[in-house]
Amino acid sequence: AEGITMDPAKVEAITKWPRPTSVTEHGYWASLRIEPDLISRVKEAQKEDSEIWTIVENLDKQVEFHLDNDNVLWQDT
């Protein structure tokens, strides 16, 4: 018995989605293929979430860097 397996074509399609570069990037929402009304409701609900807005407002401050043993500067992702 093989059990439950994933469709390789679907897995490949998902892994090839472009990576969002910001929380407001329209391509991210478009790639979800969700009804526009639902997206509007999600965005509206997020406006009232102070924790989300604190994170969004501080995104530029959350980029971290570190030096490796060879003194090469790396950006953490």
PDB file of N, CA and C in Angstrom:
ATOM      1  N   ALA A   1       0.845  -1.183   0.000  1.00  0.00           N
ATOM      2  CA  ALA A   1       0.000   0.000   0.000  1.00  0.00           C
ATOM      3  C   ALA A   1       0.888   1.243   0.000  1.00  0.00           C
ATOM      4  N   GLU A   2       0.633   2.133  -0.945  1.00  0.00           N
ATOM      5  CA  GLU A   2       1.425   3.355  -1.072  1.00  0.00           C
ATOM      6  C   GLU A   2       0.921   4.479  -0.180  1.00  0.00           C
ATOM      7  N   GLY A   3      -0.301   4.393   0.293  1.00  0.00           N
ATOM      8  CA  GLY A   3      -0.845   5.470   1.120  1.00  0.00           C
ATOM      9  C   GLY A   3      -1.189   6.691   0.284  1.00  0.00           C
ATOM     10  N   ILE A   4      -1.201   7.811   0.918  1.00  0.00           N
ATOM     11  CA  ILE A   4      -1.542   9.069   0.245  1.00  0.00           C
ATOM     12  C   ILE A   4      -0.283   9.629  -0.400  1.00  0.00           C
ATOM     13  N   THR A   5      -0.407  10.035  -1.654  1.00  0.00           N
ATOM     14  CA  THR A   5       0.722  10.643  -2.357  1.00  0.00           C
ATOM     15  C   THR A   5       0.306  11.993  -2.918  1.00  0.00           C
ATOM     16  N   MET A   6       1.291  12.839  -3.147  1.00  0.00           N
ATOM     17  CA  MET A   6       1.028  14.154  -3.727  1.00  0.00           C
ATOM     18  C   MET A   6       1.187  14.080  -5.236  1.00  0.00           C
ATOM     19  N   ASP A   7       0.423  14.904  -5.927  1.00  0.00           N
ATOM     20  CA  ASP A   7       0.530  14.998  -7.374  1.00  0.00           C
ATOM     21  C   ASP A   7       1.793  15.801  -7.691  1.00  0.00           C
ATOM     22  N   PRO A   8       2.806  15.185  -8.300  1.00  0.00           N
ATOM     23  CA  PRO A   8       4.065  15.885  -8.575  1.00  0.00           C
ATOM     24  C   PRO A   8       3.888  17.157  -9.405  1.00  0.00           C
ATOM     25  N   ALA A   9       2.944  17.168 -10.323  1.00  0.00           N
ATOM     26  CA  ALA A   9       2.723  18.357 -11.158  1.00  0.00           C
ATOM     27  C   ALA A   9       2.235  19.531 -10.309  1.00  0.00           C
ATOM     28  N   LYS A  10       1.370  19.243  -9.335  1.00  0.00           N
ATOM     29  CA  LYS A  10       0.863  20.315  -8.470  1.00  0.00           C
ATOM     30  C   LYS A  10       1.960  20.820  -7.537  1.00  0.00           C
ATOM     31  N   VAL A  11       2.755  19.908  -7.020  1.00  0.00           N
ATOM     32  CA  VAL A  11       3.863  20.309  -6.152  1.00  0.00           C
ATOM     33  C   VAL A  11       4.833  21.195  -6.923  1.00  0.00           C
ATOM     34  N   GLU A  12       5.143  20.804  -8.151  1.00  0.00           N
ATOM     35  CA  GLU A  12       6.062  21.594  -8.971  1.00  0.00           C
ATOM     36  C   GLU A  12       5.488  22.978  -9.254  1.00  0.00           C
ATOM     37  N   ALA A  13       4.186  23.031  -9.561  1.00  0.00           N
ATOM     38  CA  ALA A  13       3.555  24.323  -9.846  1.00  0.00           C
ATOM     39  C   ALA A  13       3.655  25.257  -8.643  1.00  0.00           C
ATOM     40  N   ILE A  14       3.454  24.727  -7.459  1.00  0.00           N
ATOM     41  CA  ILE A  14       3.517  25.556  -6.253  1.00  0.00           C
ATOM     42  C   ILE A  14       4.949  25.990  -5.961  1.00  0.00           C
ATOM     43  N   THR A  15       5.898  25.086  -6.117  1.00  0.00           N
ATOM     44  CA  THR A  15       7.287  25.442  -5.815  1.00  0.00           C
ATOM     45  C   THR A  15       7.857  26.445  -6.808  1.00  0.00           C
ATOM     46  N   LYS A  16       7.235  26.588  -7.957  1.00  0.00           N
ATOM     47  CA  LYS A  16       7.715  27.547  -8.957  1.00  0.00           C
ATOM     48  C   LYS A  16       7.028  28.906  -8.850  1.00  0.00           C
ATOM     49  N   TRP A  17       6.113  29.060  -7.887  1.00  0.00           N
ATOM     50  CA  TRP A  17       5.497  30.373  -7.683  1.00  0.00           C
ATOM     51  C   TRP A  17       6.584  31.369  -7.348  1.00  0.00           C
ATOM     52  N   PRO A  18       6.478  32.597  -7.860  1.00  0.00           N
ATOM     53  CA  PRO A  18       7.469  33.605  -7.483  1.00  0.00           C
ATOM     54  C   PRO A  18       7.327  33.939  -5.999  1.00  0.00           C
ATOM     55  N   ARG A  19       8.453  34.126  -5.349  1.00  0.00           N
ATOM     56  CA  ARG A  19       8.450  34.432  -3.924  1.00  0.00           C
ATOM     57  C   ARG A  19       8.044  35.888  -3.717  1.00  0.00           C
ATOM     58  N   PRO A  20       7.064  36.155  -2.851  1.00  0.00           N
ATOM     59  CA  PRO A  20       6.679  37.539  -2.588  1.00  0.00           C
ATOM     60  C   PRO A  20       7.844  38.299  -1.961  1.00  0.00           C
ATOM     61  N   THR A  21       7.979  39.551  -2.341  1.00  0.00           N
ATOM     62  CA  THR A  21       9.061  40.359  -1.784  1.00  0.00           C
ATOM     63  C   THR A  21       8.564  41.362  -0.754  1.00  0.00           C
ATOM     64  N   SER A  22       7.250  41.499  -0.631  1.00  0.00           N
ATOM     65  CA  SER A  22       6.693  42.383   0.387  1.00  0.00           C
ATOM     66  C   SER A  22       5.283  41.915   0.725  1.00  0.00           C
ATOM     67  N   VAL A  23       4.774  42.383   1.859  1.00  0.00           N
ATOM     68  CA  VAL A  23       3.434  41.980   2.265  1.00  0.00           C
ATOM     69  C   VAL A  23       2.352  42.641   1.426  1.00  0.00           C
ATOM     70  N   THR A  24       2.705  43.681   0.696  1.00  0.00           N
ATOM     71  CA  THR A  24       1.711  44.383  -0.114  1.00  0.00           C
ATOM     72  C   THR A  24       1.821  44.057  -1.596  1.00  0.00           C
ATOM     73  N   GLU A  25       2.697  43.151  -1.939  1.00  0.00           N
ATOM     74  CA  GLU A  25       2.918  42.834  -3.350  1.00  0.00           C
ATOM     75  C   GLU A  25       1.658  42.221  -3.966  1.00  0.00           C
ATOM     76  N   HIS A  26       1.178  42.828  -5.038  1.00  0.00           N
ATOM     77  CA  HIS A  26      -0.058  42.370  -5.665  1.00  0.00           C
ATOM     78  C   HIS A  26       0.085  40.996  -6.289  1.00  0.00           C
ATOM     79  N   GLY A  27       1.264  40.660  -6.763  1.00  0.00           N
ATOM     80  CA  GLY A  27       1.470  39.354  -7.378  1.00  0.00           C
ATOM     81  C   GLY A  27       1.200  38.222  -6.411  1.00  0.00           C
ATOM     82  N   TYR A  28       1.482  38.458  -5.126  1.00  0.00           N
ATOM     83  CA  TYR A  28       1.230  37.440  -4.112  1.00  0.00           C
ATOM     84  C   TYR A  28      -0.253  37.145  -4.022  1.00  0.00           C
ATOM     85  N   TRP A  29      -1.063  38.183  -3.894  1.00  0.00           N
ATOM     86  CA  TRP A  29      -2.507  37.973  -3.787  1.00  0.00           C
ATOM     87  C   TRP A  29      -3.064  37.373  -5.068  1.00  0.00           C
ATOM     88  N   ALA A  30      -2.565  37.827  -6.204  1.00  0.00           N
ATOM     89  CA  ALA A  30      -3.061  37.307  -7.479  1.00  0.00           C
ATOM     90  C   ALA A  30      -2.731  35.834  -7.632  1.00  0.00           C
ATOM     91  N   SER A  31      -1.585  35.410  -7.124  1.00  0.00           N
ATOM     92  CA  SER A  31      -1.195  34.014  -7.280  1.00  0.00           C
ATOM     93  C   SER A  31      -2.072  33.084  -6.458  1.00  0.00           C
ATOM     94  N   LEU A  32      -2.756  33.619  -5.453  1.00  0.00           N
ATOM     95  CA  LEU A  32      -3.615  32.775  -4.630  1.00  0.00           C
ATOM     96  C   LEU A  32      -4.916  32.409  -5.333  1.00  0.00           C
ATOM     97  N   ARG A  33      -5.297  33.189  -6.305  1.00  0.00           N
ATOM     98  CA  ARG A  33      -6.523  32.954  -7.077  1.00  0.00           C
ATOM     99  C   ARG A  33      -7.750  32.830  -6.169  1.00  0.00           C
ATOM    100  N   ILE A  34      -7.859  33.779  -5.264  1.00  0.00           N
ATOM    101  CA  ILE A  34      -8.997  33.837  -4.354  1.00  0.00           C
ATOM    102  C   ILE A  34      -9.920  34.942  -4.845  1.00  0.00           C
ATOM    103  N   GLU A  35     -11.198  34.779  -4.576  1.00  0.00           N
ATOM    104  CA  GLU A  35     -12.165  35.789  -4.976  1.00  0.00           C
ATOM    105  C   GLU A  35     -11.748  37.158  -4.436  1.00  0.00           C
ATOM    106  N   PRO A  36     -11.826  38.198  -5.255  1.00  0.00           N
ATOM    107  CA  PRO A  36     -11.422  39.541  -4.814  1.00  0.00           C
ATOM    108  C   PRO A  36     -12.149  40.003  -3.554  1.00  0.00           C
ATOM    109  N   ASP A  37     -13.418  39.614  -3.395  1.00  0.00           N
ATOM    110  CA  ASP A  37     -14.170  40.027  -2.216  1.00  0.00           C
ATOM    111  C   ASP A  37     -13.547  39.446  -0.947  1.00  0.00           C
ATOM    112  N   LEU A  38     -13.091  38.211  -1.015  1.00  0.00           N
ATOM    113  CA  LEU A  38     -12.451  37.582   0.140  1.00  0.00           C
ATOM    114  C   LEU A  38     -11.144  38.292   0.475  1.00  0.00           C
ATOM    115  N   ILE A  39     -10.376  38.622  -0.551  1.00  0.00           N
ATOM    116  CA  ILE A  39      -9.116  39.337  -0.332  1.00  0.00           C
ATOM    117  C   ILE A  39      -9.390  40.673   0.352  1.00  0.00           C
ATOM    118  N   SER A  40     -10.413  41.380  -0.094  1.00  0.00           N
ATOM    119  CA  SER A  40     -10.767  42.665   0.514  1.00  0.00           C
ATOM    120  C   SER A  40     -11.123  42.491   1.984  1.00  0.00           C
ATOM    121  N   ARG A  41     -11.861  41.431   2.295  1.00  0.00           N
ATOM    122  CA  ARG A  41     -12.244  41.191   3.691  1.00  0.00           C
ATOM    123  C   ARG A  41     -11.031  40.852   4.550  1.00  0.00           C
ATOM    124  N   VAL A  42     -10.102  40.073   4.006  1.00  0.00           N
ATOM    125  CA  VAL A  42      -8.888  39.730   4.752  1.00  0.00           C
ATOM    126  C   VAL A  42      -8.073  40.993   5.018  1.00  0.00           C
ATOM    127  N   LYS A  43      -7.885  41.825   3.983  1.00  0.00           N
ATOM    128  CA  LYS A  43      -7.117  43.061   4.156  1.00  0.00           C
ATOM    129  C   LYS A  43      -7.785  43.985   5.170  1.00  0.00           C
ATOM    130  N   GLU A  44      -9.106  44.074   5.119  1.00  0.00           N
ATOM    131  CA  GLU A  44      -9.838  44.927   6.051  1.00  0.00           C
ATOM    132  C   GLU A  44      -9.668  44.422   7.483  1.00  0.00           C
ATOM    133  N   ALA A  45      -9.724  43.123   7.674  1.00  0.00           N
ATOM    134  CA  ALA A  45      -9.545  42.550   9.012  1.00  0.00           C
ATOM    135  C   ALA A  45      -8.135  42.811   9.528  1.00  0.00           C
ATOM    136  N   GLN A  46      -7.165  42.775   8.640  1.00  0.00           N
ATOM    137  CA  GLN A  46      -5.782  42.998   9.054  1.00  0.00           C
ATOM    138  C   GLN A  46      -5.543  44.438   9.486  1.00  0.00           C
ATOM    139  N   LYS A  47      -6.324  45.380   8.946  1.00  0.00           N
ATOM    140  CA  LYS A  47      -6.147  46.786   9.310  1.00  0.00           C
ATOM    141  C   LYS A  47      -6.365  47.002  10.804  1.00  0.00           C
ATOM    142  N   GLU A  48      -7.238  46.192  11.391  1.00  0.00           N
ATOM    143  CA  GLU A  48      -7.566  46.366  12.801  1.00  0.00           C
ATOM    144  C   GLU A  48      -6.646  45.564  13.719  1.00  0.00           C
ATOM    145  N   ASP A  49      -5.741  44.800  13.158  1.00  0.00           N
ATOM    146  CA  ASP A  49      -4.840  43.966  13.956  1.00  0.00           C
ATOM    147  C   ASP A  49      -3.557  44.743  14.234  1.00  0.00           C
ATOM    148  N   SER A  50      -3.447  45.275  15.429  1.00  0.00           N
ATOM    149  CA  SER A  50      -2.296  46.124  15.754  1.00  0.00           C
ATOM    150  C   SER A  50      -0.981  45.354  15.702  1.00  0.00           C
ATOM    151  N   GLU A  51      -1.008  44.059  16.009  1.00  0.00           N
ATOM    152  CA  GLU A  51       0.225  43.269  15.963  1.00  0.00           C
ATOM    153  C   GLU A  51       0.757  43.174  14.535  1.00  0.00           C
ATOM    154  N   ILE A  52      -0.135  42.948  13.574  1.00  0.00           N
ATOM    155  CA  ILE A  52       0.280  42.878  12.168  1.00  0.00           C
ATOM    156  C   ILE A  52       0.860  44.217  11.736  1.00  0.00           C
ATOM    157  N   TRP A  53       0.198  45.326  12.091  1.00  0.00           N
ATOM    158  CA  TRP A  53       0.680  46.633  11.657  1.00  0.00           C
ATOM    159  C   TRP A  53       1.997  47.002  12.317  1.00  0.00           C
ATOM    160  N   THR A  54       2.215  46.557  13.533  1.00  0.00           N
ATOM    161  CA  THR A  54       3.509  46.789  14.179  1.00  0.00           C
ATOM    162  C   THR A  54       4.605  46.082  13.399  1.00  0.00           C
ATOM    163  N   ILE A  55       4.334  44.857  12.983  1.00  0.00           N
ATOM    164  CA  ILE A  55       5.310  44.096  12.192  1.00  0.00           C
ATOM    165  C   ILE A  55       5.557  44.784  10.856  1.00  0.00           C
ATOM    166  N   VAL A  56       4.480  45.156  10.155  1.00  0.00           N
ATOM    167  CA  VAL A  56       4.607  45.780   8.835  1.00  0.00           C
ATOM    168  C   VAL A  56       5.383  47.091   8.928  1.00  0.00           C
ATOM    169  N   GLU A  57       5.077  47.902   9.924  1.00  0.00           N
ATOM    170  CA  GLU A  57       5.740  49.195  10.060  1.00  0.00           C
ATOM    171  C   GLU A  57       7.219  49.061  10.410  1.00  0.00           C
ATOM    172  N   ASN A  58       7.608  47.938  10.969  1.00  0.00           N
ATOM    173  CA  ASN A  58       8.999  47.748  11.381  1.00  0.00           C
ATOM    174  C   ASN A  58       9.770  46.787  10.488  1.00  0.00           C
ATOM    175  N   LEU A  59       9.213  46.437   9.345  1.00  0.00           N
ATOM    176  CA  LEU A  59       9.889  45.484   8.462  1.00  0.00           C
ATOM    177  C   LEU A  59      11.280  45.951   8.064  1.00  0.00           C
ATOM    178  N   ASP A  60      11.405  47.237   7.768  1.00  0.00           N
ATOM    179  CA  ASP A  60      12.713  47.740   7.338  1.00  0.00           C
ATOM    180  C   ASP A  60      13.747  47.673   8.457  1.00  0.00           C
ATOM    181  N   LYS A  61      13.310  47.591   9.690  1.00  0.00           N
ATOM    182  CA  LYS A  61      14.226  47.521  10.825  1.00  0.00           C
ATOM    183  C   LYS A  61      14.559  46.079  11.213  1.00  0.00           C
ATOM    184  N   GLN A  62      13.874  45.105  10.611  1.00  0.00           N
ATOM    185  CA  GLN A  62      14.031  43.721  11.024  1.00  0.00           C
ATOM    186  C   GLN A  62      15.027  42.939  10.181  1.00  0.00           C
ATOM    187  N   VAL A  63      15.648  43.586   9.234  1.00  0.00           N
ATOM    188  CA  VAL A  63      16.656  42.904   8.429  1.00  0.00           C
ATOM    189  C   VAL A  63      17.902  42.760   9.292  1.00  0.00           C
ATOM    190  N   GLU A  64      18.395  41.558   9.375  1.00  0.00           N
ATOM    191  CA  GLU A  64      19.564  41.322  10.215  1.00  0.00           C
ATOM    192  C   GLU A  64      20.747  40.906   9.363  1.00  0.00           C
ATOM    193  N   PHE A  65      21.917  41.306   9.809  1.00  0.00           N
ATOM    194  CA  PHE A  65      23.156  40.980   9.126  1.00  0.00           C
ATOM    195  C   PHE A  65      24.078  40.297  10.120  1.00  0.00           C
ATOM    196  N   HIS A  66      25.002  39.524   9.602  1.00  0.00           N
ATOM    197  CA  HIS A  66      26.025  38.938  10.463  1.00  0.00           C
ATOM    198  C   HIS A  66      27.308  38.745   9.668  1.00  0.00           C
ATOM    199  N   LEU A  67      28.402  38.730  10.392  1.00  0.00           N
ATOM    200  CA  LEU A  67      29.710  38.477   9.787  1.00  0.00           C
ATOM    201  C   LEU A  67      30.070  37.017  10.005  1.00  0.00           C
ATOM    202  N   ASP A  68      30.576  36.376   8.956  1.00  0.00           N
ATOM    203  CA  ASP A  68      31.037  35.001   9.132  1.00  0.00           C
ATOM    204  C   ASP A  68      32.499  35.014   9.581  1.00  0.00           C
ATOM    205  N   ASN A  69      33.103  33.848   9.680  1.00  0.00           N
ATOM    206  CA  ASN A  69      34.484  33.745  10.169  1.00  0.00           C
ATOM    207  C   ASN A  69      35.496  34.446   9.272  1.00  0.00           C
ATOM    208  N   ASP A  70      35.135  34.652   7.993  1.00  0.00           N
ATOM    209  CA  ASP A  70      36.030  35.331   7.055  1.00  0.00           C
ATOM    210  C   ASP A  70      35.713  36.818   6.945  1.00  0.00           C
ATOM    211  N   ASN A  71      34.901  37.320   7.866  1.00  0.00           N
ATOM    212  CA  ASN A  71      34.472  38.722   7.875  1.00  0.00           C
ATOM    213  C   ASN A  71      33.707  39.121   6.626  1.00  0.00           C
ATOM    214  N   VAL A  72      32.930  38.182   6.093  1.00  0.00           N
ATOM    215  CA  VAL A  72      32.027  38.474   4.979  1.00  0.00           C
ATOM    216  C   VAL A  72      30.666  38.790   5.581  1.00  0.00           C
ATOM    217  N   LEU A  73      30.083  39.903   5.146  1.00  0.00           N
ATOM    218  CA  LEU A  73      28.789  40.332   5.659  1.00  0.00           C
ATOM    219  C   LEU A  73      27.677  39.582   4.939  1.00  0.00           C
ATOM    220  N   TRP A  74      26.795  38.950   5.703  1.00  0.00           N
ATOM    221  CA  TRP A  74      25.669  38.195   5.152  1.00  0.00           C
ATOM    222  C   TRP A  74      24.365  38.793   5.652  1.00  0.00           C
ATOM    223  N   GLN A  75      23.356  38.772   4.781  1.00  0.00           N
ATOM    224  CA  GLN A  75      22.030  39.215   5.187  1.00  0.00           C
ATOM    225  C   GLN A  75      21.209  37.982   5.514  1.00  0.00           C
ATOM    226  N   ASP A  76      20.622  37.950   6.699  1.00  0.00           N
ATOM    227  CA  ASP A  76      19.765  36.835   7.084  1.00  0.00           C
ATOM    228  C   ASP A  76      18.434  36.955   6.365  1.00  0.00           C
ATOM    229  N   THR A  77      17.895  35.827   5.947  1.00  0.00           N
ATOM    230  CA  THR A  77      16.588  35.837   5.285  1.00  0.00           C
ATOM    231  C   THR A  77      15.595  35.055   6.084  1.00  0.00           C
TER     232      THR A  77
END
